[in-house]
Amino acid sequence: MKSVQIPAPGGKLQIVDREIPTPKPDWVRIRVRACGVCHSDSMAVAGQWPGLKYPLVPGHEIAGVIDEVGSDVTTWKKGQRVGVGWYGGHCGVCIACRRGDLMNCHNGKITGFTHDGGYSEYMVSPAQAVAAIPDGLSDEDAAPLMCAGVTTFNSLRHSGALPGDLVAIEAIGGLGHLGVQYANKFGYRTVAIARGQEAKDLALKLGAHAYIDSDATNPAEELQKMGGAKVILSTVPSGKAMTSVFEGLGDNGKLMVIGASAEPIEVSPAQLIHSMRSIQGWASGVAADSEDALGFSALTGVRPMIEKYPLEQAQQAYDRMMSGHARFRVVLTIGS
């Protein structure tokens, strides 16, 4: 099979021939049809994750077809359309797992990090990490929903916002353009926040009821004029940008953080106490959450905006994603 691997930390992606893997007893083998190129892949490329072993095949936004099942697998069969995301399985014995908090498993697997991912014609995955893809979603559309989709969908549905509440989406990019769509379909009064006027028409087309240009106005003040946000979903990888919108939260408002950044969010205790506001991070979801996100997307018409590249152009696709100019998710198409 053809695979694209990271030879060593900081290395360029390499196209190599590998043996098609055999699934372990409780794993499945997937014939990959599409794989999203996520910014989180850069941590594997750069070696910024503990315990990585190279060469490593990245990719955790996978859509394909089950090609073979391990001897102990009873819930999946050959020929089923499935996806695999960031969540790569849980141990079942740590304290988090025993409490049912599978995403916080202390020994959890991560697709494309702890084991080879989807930049490949075939990949193997723990059966517990597999999600069914519904009819009505193409492989290319389903792939980004396995990470960007489930993260925005899951964070919003657990945010505490109710239909009619004011919900703001900060940054209209790979995550944000999905966040606006989900927020609209959830029945929220949806506000998009971005820099400049360039994203306004698209944000309104995607379902935003209002648009705030953070270059021209103070976004926190504008949100307060609207009554204060119940939730601000920040998809921007900037602690400074998150800080700038915090005061736009209303009573019991929550800043939901899904944009990864090493910069601190600078909020004082008094700001948290005033109006009893809070900050919460959110990471992806388990396979059942992915199925919920996929099913909801198929039902309501939520779709990612994608740019497609063949597997052989994985380095170009990765560079395009890292440039920040992609509109808005980059997807590798693999096979037919």
Protein backbone atom coordinates (compact mmCIF):
# COMPACT_ATOMS: atom_id res chain seq x y z
CA MET A 1 0.00 0.00 0.00
CA LYS A 2 0.97 3.65 -0.37
CA SER A 3 1.42 5.60 2.86
CA VAL A 4 2.69 9.05 3.76
CA GLN A 5 4.93 9.05 6.81
CA ILE A 6 6.86 11.48 8.97
CA PRO A 7 10.39 10.01 8.99
CA ALA A 8 11.57 11.94 12.06
CA PRO A 9 10.53 14.99 14.09
CA GLY A 10 10.60 18.04 11.84
CA GLY A 11 11.01 15.99 8.68
CA LYS A 12 9.19 16.39 5.38
CA LEU A 13 6.37 13.99 4.59
CA GLN A 14 7.51 10.94 2.61
CA ILE A 15 5.51 8.69 0.28
CA VAL A 16 6.50 5.08 0.96
CA ASP A 17 5.39 1.54 0.21
CA ARG A 18 4.32 -0.46 3.25
CA GLU A 19 2.82 -3.86 3.91
CA ILE A 20 -0.95 -3.74 4.36
CA PRO A 21 -1.44 -4.16 8.14
CA THR A 22 -3.35 -7.03 9.75
CA PRO A 23 -5.85 -5.97 12.44
CA LYS A 24 -5.39 -7.17 16.02
CA PRO A 25 -8.23 -9.26 17.52
CA ASP A 26 -10.22 -6.18 18.69
CA TRP A 27 -9.19 -3.87 15.84
CA VAL A 28 -10.48 -3.32 12.31
CA ARG A 29 -8.75 -2.51 9.04
CA ILE A 30 -10.12 0.39 7.00
CA ARG A 31 -9.65 1.10 3.31
CA VAL A 32 -9.20 4.85 3.54
CA ARG A 33 -11.15 6.95 1.04
CA ALA A 34 -10.48 10.42 2.45
CA CYS A 35 -8.45 11.94 5.27
CA GLY A 36 -8.56 15.50 6.50
CA VAL A 37 -5.37 17.47 7.10
CA CYS A 38 -5.81 19.03 10.54
CA HIS A 39 -3.63 21.66 12.20
CA SER A 40 -3.14 19.22 15.08
CA ASP A 41 -1.14 17.05 12.66
CA SER A 42 1.60 19.66 12.97
CA MET A 43 2.31 18.46 16.52
CA ALA A 44 3.14 15.02 15.12
CA VAL A 45 5.22 16.51 12.30
CA ALA A 46 7.18 18.70 14.70
CA GLY A 47 7.49 16.10 17.46
CA GLN A 48 5.56 18.23 19.94
CA TRP A 49 3.68 15.34 21.58
CA PRO A 50 5.15 13.05 24.23
CA GLY A 51 5.97 9.46 23.39
CA LEU A 52 5.79 9.68 19.59
CA LYS A 53 7.55 6.91 17.68
CA TYR A 54 8.85 7.45 14.15
CA PRO A 55 8.39 6.85 11.30
CA LEU A 56 4.75 7.78 11.90
CA VAL A 57 1.75 8.06 9.58
CA PRO A 58 -0.35 11.09 10.68
CA GLY A 59 -4.03 11.79 10.08
CA HIS A 60 -7.07 11.64 12.37
CA GLU A 61 -9.93 12.78 10.13
CA ILE A 62 -10.56 9.49 8.37
CA ALA A 63 -13.42 8.24 6.23
CA GLY A 64 -13.42 4.88 4.50
CA VAL A 65 -14.77 1.33 4.37
CA ILE A 66 -14.06 -1.57 6.70
CA ASP A 67 -11.85 -3.98 4.82
CA GLU A 68 -11.21 -6.61 7.50
CA VAL A 69 -12.18 -7.18 11.14
CA GLY A 70 -10.19 -8.73 13.98
CA SER A 71 -11.20 -12.08 15.43
CA ASP A 72 -12.93 -10.56 18.48
CA VAL A 73 -14.89 -7.86 16.63
CA THR A 74 -18.64 -8.44 16.54
CA THR A 75 -20.06 -4.92 16.13
CA TRP A 76 -18.58 -4.15 12.70
CA LYS A 77 -18.42 -6.01 9.41
CA LYS A 78 -16.65 -5.74 6.10
CA GLY A 79 -18.09 -3.17 3.71
CA GLN A 80 -19.45 -0.71 6.30
CA ARG A 81 -18.69 2.96 5.74
CA VAL A 82 -16.93 4.29 8.81
CA GLY A 83 -14.83 7.11 10.15
CA VAL A 84 -12.13 7.49 12.81
CA GLY A 85 -11.19 10.71 14.57
CA TRP A 86 -8.81 12.07 17.22
CA TYR A 87 -10.20 9.65 19.80
CA GLY A 88 -8.41 6.38 19.15
CA GLY A 89 -9.73 4.23 21.98
CA HIS A 90 -9.73 4.00 25.78
CA CYS A 91 -8.27 1.57 28.30
CA GLY A 92 -11.46 0.86 30.27
CA VAL A 93 -9.65 0.48 33.62
CA CYS A 94 -8.34 3.92 34.66
CA ILE A 95 -10.40 6.05 37.04
CA ALA A 96 -11.67 8.30 34.23
CA CYS A 97 -12.89 5.28 32.23
CA ARG A 98 -14.48 3.72 35.31
CA ARG A 99 -16.45 6.94 35.74
CA GLY A 100 -17.50 6.88 32.08
CA ASP A 101 -15.31 9.85 31.15
CA LEU A 102 -13.74 8.12 28.15
CA MET A 103 -12.30 11.24 26.49
CA ASN A 104 -10.15 11.80 29.58
CA CYS A 105 -8.83 8.23 29.65
CA HIS A 106 -5.39 8.35 31.27
CA ASN A 107 -4.08 5.78 28.77
CA GLY A 108 -6.10 6.86 25.76
CA LYS A 109 -4.99 6.27 22.19
CA ILE A 110 -4.85 9.08 19.64
CA THR A 111 -5.18 8.29 15.95
CA GLY A 112 -2.08 9.37 14.04
CA PHE A 113 -0.13 9.88 17.26
CA THR A 114 -0.06 6.68 19.32
CA HIS A 115 -0.62 4.57 16.20
CA ASP A 116 -0.54 5.20 12.46
CA GLY A 117 -3.31 7.33 11.03
CA GLY A 118 -5.08 7.99 7.77
CA TYR A 119 -2.49 9.43 5.36
CA SER A 120 -2.49 5.97 3.86
CA GLU A 121 -4.46 3.62 1.61
CA TYR A 122 -5.18 1.36 4.59
CA MET A 123 -5.06 1.86 8.35
CA VAL A 124 -5.99 -0.16 11.42
CA SER A 125 -7.94 1.15 14.40
CA PRO A 126 -9.37 -0.15 17.66
CA ALA A 127 -12.97 -1.16 16.96
CA GLN A 128 -14.14 1.04 19.86
CA ALA A 129 -12.88 4.15 18.02
CA VAL A 130 -14.90 3.56 14.84
CA ALA A 131 -18.00 5.60 13.93
CA ALA A 132 -20.60 4.78 11.28
CA ILE A 133 -20.95 7.25 8.41
CA PRO A 134 -24.57 7.80 7.37
CA ASP A 135 -25.86 7.84 3.82
CA GLY A 136 -26.00 11.34 2.43
CA LEU A 137 -22.46 12.31 3.47
CA SER A 138 -19.65 11.89 0.98
CA ASP A 139 -16.31 10.56 2.21
CA GLU A 140 -14.70 13.94 1.53
CA ASP A 141 -17.34 15.77 3.58
CA ALA A 142 -17.37 13.19 6.38
CA ALA A 143 -13.59 13.21 6.96
CA PRO A 144 -13.26 16.76 8.44
CA LEU A 145 -16.35 16.15 10.56
CA MET A 146 -14.41 13.44 12.43
CA CYS A 147 -12.39 16.15 14.19
CA ALA A 148 -13.35 19.73 13.30
CA GLY A 149 -17.01 18.75 13.08
CA VAL A 150 -17.38 16.72 16.25
CA THR A 151 -15.34 19.26 18.22
CA THR A 152 -17.56 22.23 17.32
CA PHE A 153 -20.79 20.19 17.46
CA ASN A 154 -19.98 18.56 20.79
CA SER A 155 -18.68 21.69 22.50
CA LEU A 156 -21.78 23.67 21.55
CA ARG A 157 -24.27 21.02 22.61
CA HIS A 158 -22.55 20.74 26.01
CA SER A 159 -22.11 24.49 26.47
CA GLY A 160 -25.37 25.05 28.35
CA ALA A 161 -26.83 27.32 25.66
CA LEU A 162 -30.51 26.85 24.85
CA PRO A 163 -32.45 27.68 21.67
CA GLY A 164 -32.82 31.44 21.40
CA ASP A 165 -29.70 32.19 23.46
CA LEU A 166 -27.06 34.54 22.07
CA VAL A 167 -24.05 32.48 20.97
CA ALA A 168 -20.98 33.98 19.35
CA ILE A 169 -18.47 32.12 17.18
CA GLU A 170 -15.02 33.71 17.24
CA ALA A 171 -13.05 33.33 13.97
CA ILE A 172 -14.53 31.97 10.74
CA GLY A 173 -11.99 29.38 9.69
CA GLY A 174 -11.75 25.60 9.66
CA LEU A 175 -13.57 25.25 12.97
CA GLY A 176 -15.54 28.48 12.96
CA HIS A 177 -17.29 28.00 9.63
CA LEU A 178 -18.71 24.75 11.02
CA GLY A 179 -19.47 26.35 14.38
CA VAL A 180 -21.66 29.00 12.73
CA GLN A 181 -23.63 26.32 10.89
CA TYR A 182 -24.16 24.18 13.99
CA ALA A 183 -25.10 27.18 16.13
CA ASN A 184 -27.74 28.21 13.61
CA LYS A 185 -29.16 24.69 13.35
CA PHE A 186 -29.27 24.41 17.15
CA GLY A 187 -31.57 27.44 17.20
CA TYR A 188 -29.13 29.90 18.76
CA ARG A 189 -29.10 33.62 17.98
CA THR A 190 -25.80 33.29 16.19
CA VAL A 191 -23.16 36.01 15.99
CA ALA A 192 -19.96 35.60 13.97
CA ILE A 193 -16.81 37.48 15.00
CA ALA A 194 -13.89 37.91 12.61
CA ARG A 195 -11.32 40.46 11.53
CA GLY A 196 -12.34 42.76 8.66
CA GLN A 197 -15.32 42.71 6.35
CA GLU A 198 -14.07 39.92 4.09
CA ALA A 199 -15.78 37.13 6.05
CA LYS A 200 -19.09 38.94 6.59
CA ASP A 201 -21.02 37.71 3.56
CA LEU A 202 -19.88 34.12 4.07
CA ALA A 203 -20.72 34.19 7.79
CA LEU A 204 -24.24 35.42 7.07
CA LYS A 205 -24.64 32.83 4.31
CA LEU A 206 -23.56 30.07 6.71
CA GLY A 207 -26.27 31.09 9.16
CA ALA A 208 -25.01 33.94 11.34
CA HIS A 209 -27.73 36.41 12.31
CA ALA A 210 -25.18 39.18 12.91
CA TYR A 211 -21.53 39.87 12.17
CA ILE A 212 -18.96 41.74 14.26
CA ASP A 213 -15.80 43.09 12.64
CA SER A 214 -13.23 42.94 15.45
CA ASP A 215 -10.93 45.32 13.53
CA ALA A 216 -13.53 48.06 13.33
CA THR A 217 -15.25 47.65 16.71
CA ASN A 218 -14.73 46.25 20.20
CA PRO A 219 -16.35 42.80 19.97
CA ALA A 220 -17.02 42.55 23.70
CA GLU A 221 -18.83 45.88 23.72
CA GLU A 222 -20.86 44.90 20.66
CA LEU A 223 -21.94 41.65 22.30
CA GLN A 224 -23.01 43.55 25.43
CA LYS A 225 -25.15 45.84 23.26
CA MET A 226 -26.95 42.67 22.14
CA GLY A 227 -27.53 41.62 25.74
CA GLY A 228 -24.37 39.64 26.42
CA ALA A 229 -23.50 36.21 25.07
CA LYS A 230 -24.55 33.04 26.82
CA VAL A 231 -21.65 31.29 25.08
CA ILE A 232 -18.65 32.43 23.07
CA LEU A 233 -17.12 29.55 21.14
CA SER A 234 -13.54 30.60 20.47
CA THR A 235 -11.99 28.76 17.55
CA VAL A 236 -9.05 31.13 17.12
CA PRO A 237 -5.60 29.84 18.23
CA SER A 238 -4.80 33.00 20.16
CA GLY A 239 -5.04 33.60 23.89
CA LYS A 240 -4.98 37.35 23.24
CA ALA A 241 -8.00 37.13 20.94
CA MET A 242 -9.89 35.05 23.51
CA THR A 243 -9.09 37.62 26.19
CA SER A 244 -10.50 40.39 23.99
CA VAL A 245 -13.99 38.85 23.81
CA PHE A 246 -14.40 37.62 27.39
CA GLU A 247 -16.18 40.77 28.57
CA GLY A 248 -18.83 40.12 25.93
CA LEU A 249 -20.26 37.32 28.07
CA GLY A 250 -23.57 37.92 29.80
CA ASP A 251 -24.82 36.54 33.12
CA ASN A 252 -23.61 32.98 33.68
CA GLY A 253 -21.89 33.20 30.32
CA LYS A 254 -19.24 30.71 29.27
CA LEU A 255 -16.17 31.02 27.06
CA MET A 256 -15.79 27.66 25.31
CA VAL A 257 -12.21 27.17 24.14
CA ILE A 258 -11.47 24.86 21.20
CA GLY A 259 -8.72 26.86 19.47
CA ALA A 260 -5.40 25.48 20.74
CA SER A 261 -2.83 28.07 21.79
CA ALA A 262 0.13 28.23 24.15
CA GLU A 263 -0.69 31.86 24.95
CA PRO A 264 -2.47 32.53 28.24
CA ILE A 265 -6.03 33.83 28.46
CA GLU A 266 -5.69 36.85 30.72
CA VAL A 267 -8.81 37.05 32.86
CA SER A 268 -8.90 38.29 36.45
CA PRO A 269 -10.76 36.54 39.27
CA ALA A 270 -13.02 39.59 39.51
CA GLN A 271 -14.05 39.15 35.88
CA LEU A 272 -15.04 35.55 36.57
CA ILE A 273 -16.95 36.42 39.73
CA HIS A 274 -18.80 39.28 38.08
CA SER A 275 -21.91 37.79 36.45
CA MET A 276 -20.62 34.33 37.47
CA ARG A 277 -18.85 33.72 34.18
CA SER A 278 -16.63 30.76 33.34
CA ILE A 279 -14.06 29.36 30.90
CA GLN A 280 -14.07 25.77 29.68
CA GLY A 281 -11.89 23.87 27.25
CA TRP A 282 -13.30 21.14 25.04
CA ALA A 283 -11.62 18.32 23.15
CA SER A 284 -13.34 16.39 20.37
CA GLY A 285 -15.51 13.42 21.42
CA VAL A 286 -15.71 9.64 21.44
CA ALA A 287 -16.99 7.55 18.55
CA ALA A 288 -20.63 7.87 19.62
CA ASP A 289 -20.24 11.68 19.62
CA SER A 290 -18.82 11.49 16.11
CA GLU A 291 -21.84 9.48 14.99
CA ASP A 292 -24.10 12.14 16.49
CA ALA A 293 -22.22 14.90 14.67
CA LEU A 294 -22.28 13.00 11.38
CA GLY A 295 -25.97 12.17 11.68
CA PHE A 296 -26.92 15.73 12.61
CA SER A 297 -24.87 17.10 9.72
CA ALA A 298 -26.49 14.73 7.24
CA LEU A 299 -29.95 15.65 8.56
CA THR A 300 -29.55 19.43 8.63
CA GLY A 301 -27.21 20.08 5.70
CA VAL A 302 -24.14 21.16 7.68
CA ARG A 303 -21.12 20.63 5.44
CA PRO A 304 -17.45 21.59 5.57
CA MET A 305 -15.93 23.76 2.87
CA ILE A 306 -13.01 21.75 1.54
CA GLU A 307 -10.01 21.77 -0.78
CA LYS A 308 -9.03 18.36 -2.14
CA TYR A 309 -5.59 16.92 -2.88
CA PRO A 310 -4.53 13.40 -3.90
CA LEU A 311 -2.52 11.37 -1.38
CA GLU A 312 0.60 11.81 -3.52
CA GLN A 313 0.40 15.58 -2.87
CA ALA A 314 0.24 15.24 0.92
CA GLN A 315 3.15 17.64 1.48
CA GLN A 316 1.49 20.31 -0.67
CA ALA A 317 -1.79 19.72 1.15
CA TYR A 318 -0.07 20.01 4.53
CA ASP A 319 1.72 23.20 3.48
CA ARG A 320 -1.57 24.65 2.26
CA MET A 321 -3.20 23.92 5.61
CA MET A 322 -0.27 25.42 7.54
CA SER A 323 -0.31 28.56 5.39
CA GLY A 324 -3.69 29.53 6.85
CA HIS A 325 -5.06 30.28 3.39
CA ALA A 326 -7.14 27.12 2.89
CA ARG A 327 -10.91 27.60 2.56
CA PHE A 328 -11.41 25.93 4.99
CA ARG A 329 -10.47 22.25 5.42
CA VAL A 330 -7.88 20.39 3.36
CA VAL A 331 -8.76 16.79 2.50
CA LEU A 332 -6.63 14.04 0.97
CA THR A 333 -8.59 11.89 -1.47
CA ILE A 334 -7.39 8.29 -1.52
CA GLY A 335 -8.48 5.60 -3.97
CA SER A 336 -11.88 5.40 -5.63
